[in-house]
Every structure is written in C-alpha cells, then in structure tokens.
PDB file of N, CA and C in Angstrom:
ATOM      1  N   MET A   1      95.560-184.276-161.839  1.00  0.00           N
ATOM      2  CA  MET A   1      96.948-185.263-161.981  1.00  0.00           C
ATOM      3  C   MET A   1      97.496-184.580-163.382  1.00  0.00           C
ATOM      4  N   GLU A   2      98.605-184.486-163.751  1.00  0.00           N
ATOM      5  CA  GLU A   2      99.472-184.219-164.485  1.00  0.00           C
ATOM      6  C   GLU A   2     100.279-185.515-165.101  1.00  0.00           C
ATOM      7  N   ARG A   3     100.521-185.364-166.273  1.00  0.00           N
ATOM      8  CA  ARG A   3     101.334-186.507-166.735  1.00  0.00           C
ATOM      9  C   ARG A   3     101.834-185.679-167.906  1.00  0.00           C
ATOM     10  N   LEU A   4     103.141-186.063-168.160  1.00  0.00           N
ATOM     11  CA  LEU A   4     104.294-185.457-169.591  1.00  0.00           C
ATOM     12  C   LEU A   4     104.001-186.972-170.420  1.00  0.00           C
ATOM     13  N   ILE A   5     103.461-186.387-171.394  1.00  0.00           N
ATOM     14  CA  ILE A   5     103.369-186.967-172.809  1.00  0.00           C
ATOM     15  C   ILE A   5     104.291-186.715-174.119  1.00  0.00           C
ATOM     16  N   LYS A   6     104.627-187.378-174.631  1.00  0.00           N
ATOM     17  CA  LYS A   6     105.530-187.399-175.550  1.00  0.00           C
ATOM     18  C   LYS A   6     105.006-187.369-176.742  1.00  0.00           C
ATOM     19  N   ILE A   7     104.690-186.660-177.615  1.00  0.00           N
ATOM     20  CA  ILE A   7     104.166-186.637-179.013  1.00  0.00           C
ATOM     21  C   ILE A   7     104.802-186.277-180.291  1.00  0.00           C
ATOM     22  N   HIS A   8     104.951-186.696-181.212  1.00  0.00           N
ATOM     23  CA  HIS A   8     105.638-186.377-182.347  1.00  0.00           C
ATOM     24  C   HIS A   8     104.645-185.552-183.399  1.00  0.00           C
ATOM     25  N   ILE A   9     105.064-184.433-183.693  1.00  0.00           N
ATOM     26  CA  ILE A   9     104.227-183.483-184.923  1.00  0.00           C
ATOM     27  C   ILE A   9     105.239-183.322-185.967  1.00  0.00           C
ATOM     28  N   LYS A  10     104.218-183.551-187.568  1.00  0.00           N
ATOM     29  CA  LYS A  10     104.736-183.958-188.236  1.00  0.00           C
ATOM     30  C   LYS A  10     104.292-182.821-189.334  1.00  0.00           C
ATOM     31  N   LYS A  11     104.669-182.365-190.342  1.00  0.00           N
ATOM     32  CA  LYS A  11     103.848-181.221-191.291  1.00  0.00           C
ATOM     33  C   LYS A  11     102.990-182.250-192.523  1.00  0.00           C
ATOM     34  N   LEU A  12     102.261-182.058-192.988  1.00  0.00           N
ATOM     35  CA  LEU A  12     101.581-182.679-193.867  1.00  0.00           C
ATOM     36  C   LEU A  12     101.920-182.336-195.534  1.00  0.00           C
ATOM     37  N   PRO A  13     102.130-182.851-196.509  1.00  0.00           N
ATOM     38  CA  PRO A  13     102.043-181.944-197.741  1.00  0.00           C
ATOM     39  C   PRO A  13     101.023-181.087-197.949  1.00  0.00           C
ATOM     40  N   GLU A  14      99.789-181.047-197.074  1.00  0.00           N
ATOM     41  CA  GLU A  14      98.755-180.124-197.604  1.00  0.00           C
ATOM     42  C   GLU A  14      99.026-178.985-196.454  1.00  0.00           C
ATOM     43  N   GLY A  15     100.129-179.437-195.726  1.00  0.00           N
ATOM     44  CA  GLY A  15     100.361-177.789-195.032  1.00  0.00           C
ATOM     45  C   GLY A  15      99.711-177.976-193.577  1.00  0.00           C
ATOM     46  N   LEU A  16      99.155-178.989-193.373  1.00  0.00           N
ATOM     47  CA  LEU A  16      98.631-179.365-191.593  1.00  0.00           C
ATOM     48  C   LEU A  16      99.310-179.871-191.221  1.00  0.00           C
ATOM     49  N   TYR A  17      99.169-179.729-189.666  1.00  0.00           N
ATOM     50  CA  TYR A  17     100.087-180.871-188.716  1.00  0.00           C
ATOM     51  C   TYR A  17      99.433-182.222-188.110  1.00  0.00           C
ATOM     52  N   LEU A  18     100.100-183.114-188.140  1.00  0.00           N
ATOM     53  CA  LEU A  18      99.799-184.391-187.343  1.00  0.00           C
ATOM     54  C   LEU A  18     100.291-184.627-186.031  1.00  0.00           C
ATOM     55  N   ALA A  19      99.612-184.668-185.435  1.00  0.00           N
ATOM     56  CA  ALA A  19     100.165-185.135-183.728  1.00  0.00           C
ATOM     57  C   ALA A  19     100.131-186.716-183.453  1.00  0.00           C
ATOM     58  N   THR A  20     101.053-187.682-183.099  1.00  0.00           N
ATOM     59  CA  THR A  20     101.018-188.893-182.733  1.00  0.00           C
ATOM     60  C   THR A  20     101.715-188.940-181.620  1.00  0.00           C
ATOM     61  N   SER A  21     101.545-190.298-180.913  1.00  0.00           N
ATOM     62  CA  SER A  21     102.031-190.957-179.708  1.00  0.00           C
ATOM     63  C   SER A  21     102.390-192.057-179.363  1.00  0.00           C
ATOM     64  N   ASP A  22     103.571-192.552-179.159  1.00  0.00           N
ATOM     65  CA  ASP A  22     103.979-193.716-178.751  1.00  0.00           C
ATOM     66  C   ASP A  22     103.368-194.148-177.451  1.00  0.00           C
ATOM     67  N   ASP A  23     102.966-192.859-176.499  1.00  0.00           N
ATOM     68  CA  ASP A  23     102.892-192.876-175.134  1.00  0.00           C
ATOM     69  C   ASP A  23     101.352-193.441-174.887  1.00  0.00           C
ATOM     70  N   ILE A  24     100.839-192.811-175.720  1.00  0.00           N
ATOM     71  CA  ILE A  24      99.368-192.704-175.491  1.00  0.00           C
ATOM     72  C   ILE A  24      98.502-193.306-176.633  1.00  0.00           C
ATOM     73  N   GLN A  25      98.121-194.868-176.835  1.00  0.00           N
ATOM     74  CA  GLN A  25      97.460-195.502-177.510  1.00  0.00           C
ATOM     75  C   GLN A  25      96.268-194.903-178.231  1.00  0.00           C
ATOM     76  N   GLY A  26      96.360-194.808-179.598  1.00  0.00           N
ATOM     77  CA  GLY A  26      95.262-194.238-180.354  1.00  0.00           C
ATOM     78  C   GLY A  26      94.972-192.588-180.247  1.00  0.00           C
ATOM     79  N   LEU A  27      96.300-191.970-180.029  1.00  0.00           N
ATOM     80  CA  LEU A  27      96.606-190.511-180.068  1.00  0.00           C
ATOM     81  C   LEU A  27      96.709-189.976-181.115  1.00  0.00           C
ATOM     82  N   VAL A  28      96.132-189.686-182.321  1.00  0.00           N
ATOM     83  CA  VAL A  28      96.086-188.885-183.453  1.00  0.00           C
ATOM     84  C   VAL A  28      95.022-187.382-183.451  1.00  0.00           C
ATOM     85  N   ALA A  29      95.811-186.088-183.832  1.00  0.00           N
ATOM     86  CA  ALA A  29      95.487-185.216-184.106  1.00  0.00           C
ATOM     87  C   ALA A  29      95.669-184.425-185.368  1.00  0.00           C
ATOM     88  N   GLN A  30      95.170-183.558-185.762  1.00  0.00           N
ATOM     89  CA  GLN A  30      95.284-182.765-186.926  1.00  0.00           C
ATOM     90  C   GLN A  30      94.601-181.389-186.780  1.00  0.00           C
ATOM     91  N   GLY A  31      95.780-180.318-186.907  1.00  0.00           N
ATOM     92  CA  GLY A  31      95.492-178.789-187.168  1.00  0.00           C
ATOM     93  C   GLY A  31      96.025-178.181-188.106  1.00  0.00           C
ATOM     94  N   ARG A  32      95.278-177.019-188.203  1.00  0.00           N
ATOM     95  CA  ARG A  32      96.288-176.076-189.543  1.00  0.00           C
ATOM     96  C   ARG A  32      97.371-175.362-189.009  1.00  0.00           C
ATOM     97  N   THR A  33      97.715-175.050-187.506  1.00  0.00           N
ATOM     98  CA  THR A  33      98.935-174.756-187.006  1.00  0.00           C
ATOM     99  C   THR A  33      99.363-175.553-186.270  1.00  0.00           C
ATOM    100  N   ILE A  34     100.265-175.615-185.499  1.00  0.00           N
ATOM    101  CA  ILE A  34     101.060-176.193-184.579  1.00  0.00           C
ATOM    102  C   ILE A  34     100.478-175.946-182.831  1.00  0.00           C
ATOM    103  N   THR A  35     100.110-174.893-182.685  1.00  0.00           N
ATOM    104  CA  THR A  35      99.167-174.328-181.307  1.00  0.00           C
ATOM    105  C   THR A  35      97.964-175.031-181.435  1.00  0.00           C
ATOM    106  N   GLU A  36      97.030-175.017-182.465  1.00  0.00           N
ATOM    107  CA  GLU A  36      96.011-175.862-182.898  1.00  0.00           C
ATOM    108  C   GLU A  36      96.071-177.333-182.576  1.00  0.00           C
ATOM    109  N   THR A  37      97.045-177.755-183.305  1.00  0.00           N
ATOM    110  CA  THR A  37      97.201-179.140-183.426  1.00  0.00           C
ATOM    111  C   THR A  37      97.380-179.593-181.764  1.00  0.00           C
ATOM    112  N   LEU A  38      98.543-178.902-181.271  1.00  0.00           N
ATOM    113  CA  LEU A  38      98.638-179.347-179.443  1.00  0.00           C
ATOM    114  C   LEU A  38      97.590-179.039-178.703  1.00  0.00           C
ATOM    115  N   GLU A  39      96.588-178.277-178.955  1.00  0.00           N
ATOM    116  CA  GLU A  39      95.317-178.103-178.521  1.00  0.00           C
ATOM    117  C   GLU A  39      94.590-179.357-178.238  1.00  0.00           C
ATOM    118  N   ILE A  40      94.294-179.608-179.757  1.00  0.00           N
ATOM    119  CA  ILE A  40      93.748-180.756-180.028  1.00  0.00           C
ATOM    120  C   ILE A  40      93.943-182.019-179.778  1.00  0.00           C
ATOM    121  N   ALA A  41      95.845-182.571-179.529  1.00  0.00           N
ATOM    122  CA  ALA A  41      96.134-183.473-178.867  1.00  0.00           C
ATOM    123  C   ALA A  41      95.660-183.398-177.317  1.00  0.00           C
ATOM    124  N   ARG A  42      95.775-182.320-176.681  1.00  0.00           N
ATOM    125  CA  ARG A  42      95.553-182.193-175.623  1.00  0.00           C
ATOM    126  C   ARG A  42      94.318-182.913-174.744  1.00  0.00           C
ATOM    127  N   ASP A  43      93.016-182.651-175.788  1.00  0.00           N
ATOM    128  CA  ASP A  43      91.722-182.677-175.678  1.00  0.00           C
ATOM    129  C   ASP A  43      91.732-184.158-176.091  1.00  0.00           C
ATOM    130  N   VAL A  44      92.224-184.540-176.902  1.00  0.00           N
ATOM    131  CA  VAL A  44      92.388-186.069-177.321  1.00  0.00           C
ATOM    132  C   VAL A  44      92.669-187.447-176.138  1.00  0.00           C
ATOM    133  N   THR A  45      93.726-186.747-175.760  1.00  0.00           N
ATOM    134  CA  THR A  45      94.705-187.133-174.676  1.00  0.00           C
ATOM    135  C   THR A  45      93.821-187.314-173.597  1.00  0.00           C
ATOM    136  N   ARG A  46      93.232-186.483-173.258  1.00  0.00           N
ATOM    137  CA  ARG A  46      92.216-186.236-171.859  1.00  0.00           C
ATOM    138  C   ARG A  46      91.064-187.195-172.159  1.00  0.00           C
ATOM    139  N   LYS A  47      90.434-187.585-173.200  1.00  0.00           N
ATOM    140  CA  LYS A  47      89.324-188.188-173.204  1.00  0.00           C
ATOM    141  C   LYS A  47      89.935-189.711-173.590  1.00  0.00           C
ATOM    142  N   LEU A  48      91.168-189.826-173.898  1.00  0.00           N
ATOM    143  CA  LEU A  48      91.768-191.062-174.033  1.00  0.00           C
ATOM    144  C   LEU A  48      91.758-191.722-172.576  1.00  0.00           C
ATOM    145  N   LEU A  49      92.196-190.839-171.981  1.00  0.00           N
ATOM    146  CA  LEU A  49      93.171-191.487-170.768  1.00  0.00           C
ATOM    147  C   LEU A  49      91.502-191.556-169.731  1.00  0.00           C
ATOM    148  N   GLU A  50      90.636-190.632-170.093  1.00  0.00           N
ATOM    149  CA  GLU A  50      89.687-190.600-168.995  1.00  0.00           C
ATOM    150  C   GLU A  50      88.491-192.548-169.640  1.00  0.00           C
ATOM    151  N   ALA A  51      88.934-192.664-170.932  1.00  0.00           N
ATOM    152  CA  ALA A  51      88.098-193.753-171.497  1.00  0.00           C
ATOM    153  C   ALA A  51      88.981-195.244-170.704  1.00  0.00           C
ATOM    154  N   GLN A  52      90.683-194.908-170.455  1.00  0.00           N
ATOM    155  CA  GLN A  52      91.098-196.116-170.266  1.00  0.00           C
ATOM    156  C   GLN A  52      90.844-196.003-169.095  1.00  0.00           C
ATOM    157  N   LYS A  53      90.652-195.220-168.191  1.00  0.00           N
ATOM    158  CA  LYS A  53      90.132-195.239-166.686  1.00  0.00           C
ATOM    159  C   LYS A  53      89.055-195.973-166.747  1.00  0.00           C
ATOM    160  N   GLU A  54      87.663-195.749-167.473  1.00  0.00           N
ATOM    161  CA  GLU A  54      86.704-196.254-166.890  1.00  0.00           C
ATOM    162  C   GLU A  54      86.874-197.872-167.437  1.00  0.00           C
ATOM    163  N   ASN A  55      87.245-198.087-168.271  1.00  0.00           N
ATOM    164  CA  ASN A  55      87.647-199.520-168.795  1.00  0.00           C
ATOM    165  C   ASN A  55      88.348-200.364-167.958  1.00  0.00           C
ATOM    166  N   LEU A  56      89.273-199.599-166.864  1.00  0.00           N
ATOM    167  CA  LEU A  56      89.898-200.307-166.172  1.00  0.00           C
ATOM    168  C   LEU A  56      88.810-201.401-164.941  1.00  0.00           C
ATOM    169  N   HIS A  57      87.785-200.582-164.996  1.00  0.00           N
ATOM    170  CA  HIS A  57      86.224-201.135-163.932  1.00  0.00           C
ATOM    171  C   HIS A  57      85.641-201.924-164.586  1.00  0.00           C
ATOM    172  N   LYS A  58      85.964-202.407-165.882  1.00  0.00           N
ATOM    173  CA  LYS A  58      85.255-203.206-166.396  1.00  0.00           C
ATOM    174  C   LYS A  58      85.812-204.753-166.766  1.00  0.00           C
ATOM    175  N   LEU A  59      86.633-205.161-166.044  1.00  0.00           N
ATOM    176  CA  LEU A  59      87.777-206.571-166.293  1.00  0.00           C
ATOM    177  C   LEU A  59      86.515-207.283-165.652  1.00  0.00           C
ATOM    178  N   ASP A  60      86.100-208.578-166.480  1.00  0.00           N
ATOM    179  CA  ASP A  60      84.967-209.316-165.638  1.00  0.00           C
ATOM    180  C   ASP A  60      85.837-210.137-165.038  1.00  0.00           C
ATOM    181  N   TYR A  61      86.612-211.166-165.685  1.00  0.00           N
ATOM    182  CA  TYR A  61      87.608-212.009-164.535  1.00  0.00           C
ATOM    183  C   TYR A  61      89.009-212.123-165.221  1.00  0.00           C
ATOM    184  N   ILE A  62      90.185-212.397-164.473  1.00  0.00           N
ATOM    185  CA  ILE A  62      91.028-212.769-164.737  1.00  0.00           C
ATOM    186  C   ILE A  62      91.387-213.848-165.341  1.00  0.00           C
ATOM    187  N   LYS A  63      92.018-214.059-166.361  1.00  0.00           N
ATOM    188  CA  LYS A  63      92.774-214.999-167.307  1.00  0.00           C
ATOM    189  C   LYS A  63      94.345-215.661-166.592  1.00  0.00           C
ATOM    190  N   GLU A  64      94.910-216.557-166.754  1.00  0.00           N
ATOM    191  CA  GLU A  64      96.070-216.909-165.912  1.00  0.00           C
ATOM    192  C   GLU A  64      97.140-216.215-166.659  1.00  0.00           C
ATOM    193  N   SER A  65      96.988-215.298-168.096  1.00  0.00           N
ATOM    194  CA  SER A  65      97.861-214.277-168.397  1.00  0.00           C
ATOM    195  C   SER A  65      97.158-213.260-169.305  1.00  0.00           C
ATOM    196  N   PHE A  66      97.391-212.252-168.951  1.00  0.00           N
ATOM    197  CA  PHE A  66      96.709-210.990-169.713  1.00  0.00           C
ATOM    198  C   PHE A  66      97.349-209.312-169.693  1.00  0.00           C
ATOM    199  N   ASP A  67      97.238-208.623-170.732  1.00  0.00           N
ATOM    200  CA  ASP A  67      98.015-207.334-170.587  1.00  0.00           C
ATOM    201  C   ASP A  67      97.034-206.734-169.784  1.00  0.00           C
ATOM    202  N   TYR A  68      97.729-205.647-169.288  1.00  0.00           N
ATOM    203  CA  TYR A  68      97.115-204.534-168.593  1.00  0.00           C
ATOM    204  C   TYR A  68      98.144-202.994-168.254  1.00  0.00           C
ATOM    205  N   ASN A  69      97.044-201.875-168.619  1.00  0.00           N
ATOM    206  CA  ASN A  69      97.457-200.920-168.892  1.00  0.00           C
ATOM    207  C   ASN A  69      97.741-200.330-167.330  1.00  0.00           C
ATOM    208  N   LEU A  70      98.925-200.014-167.143  1.00  0.00           N
ATOM    209  CA  LEU A  70      99.109-198.837-165.543  1.00  0.00           C
ATOM    210  C   LEU A  70      99.217-197.705-165.898  1.00  0.00           C
ATOM    211  N   ILE A  71      98.318-197.145-165.028  1.00  0.00           N
ATOM    212  CA  ILE A  71      98.382-195.750-165.146  1.00  0.00           C
ATOM    213  C   ILE A  71      99.283-195.319-163.743  1.00  0.00           C
ATOM    214  N   VAL A  72     100.674-194.576-163.494  1.00  0.00           N
ATOM    215  CA  VAL A  72     101.114-194.204-162.329  1.00  0.00           C
ATOM    216  C   VAL A  72     101.145-192.679-162.155  1.00  0.00           C
ATOM    217  N   GLY A  73     100.823-192.173-160.986  1.00  0.00           N
ATOM    218  CA  GLY A  73     100.563-190.675-160.784  1.00  0.00           C
ATOM    219  C   GLY A  73     101.995-190.536-159.750  1.00  0.00           C
ATOM    220  N   VAL A  74     102.875-189.844-159.925  1.00  0.00           N
ATOM    221  CA  VAL A  74     104.100-189.436-159.215  1.00  0.00           C
ATOM    222  C   VAL A  74     103.684-188.351-158.836  1.00  0.00           C
TER     223      VAL A  74
END
C-alpha cells in the first residue's frame, strides 16, 4: 500500500536539511543533502506507520470519548 505524505524541508544554518510533516505525527528527519533527508524521512515514516498500526490492536477498553487515528487505503 502506498500513501502520499506531505513533508516540509528546511535548510538549517549548519547546512543540513530538516524534514517534518503535519501528516505524520513524530516525523523528523535530518540529512546532509535533500536526497539523503528524503531517504531518511521515508524510512522514519515507514517505522512510524508500522508502530501506529501495532498500537491500534492494543486498545484495552472503549471510553465514552476518545481520539483515534484512522488510516484509509485508497
């Protein structure tokens, strides 16, 4: 399954690049080049999505009100 994730890349004063995303909570990747930063961001995103998927199975009980991350495949 593939997903389109929007990321923001910023050049830091040290000459490195930093990638973050509003789409994936916790995504932070840093590299020496844009290409390296994108590769790291892709790996981090995969790991975050896998962890998110595993955590969905760990819901103990349902409260009257709660937040839920919904992943939809198109």
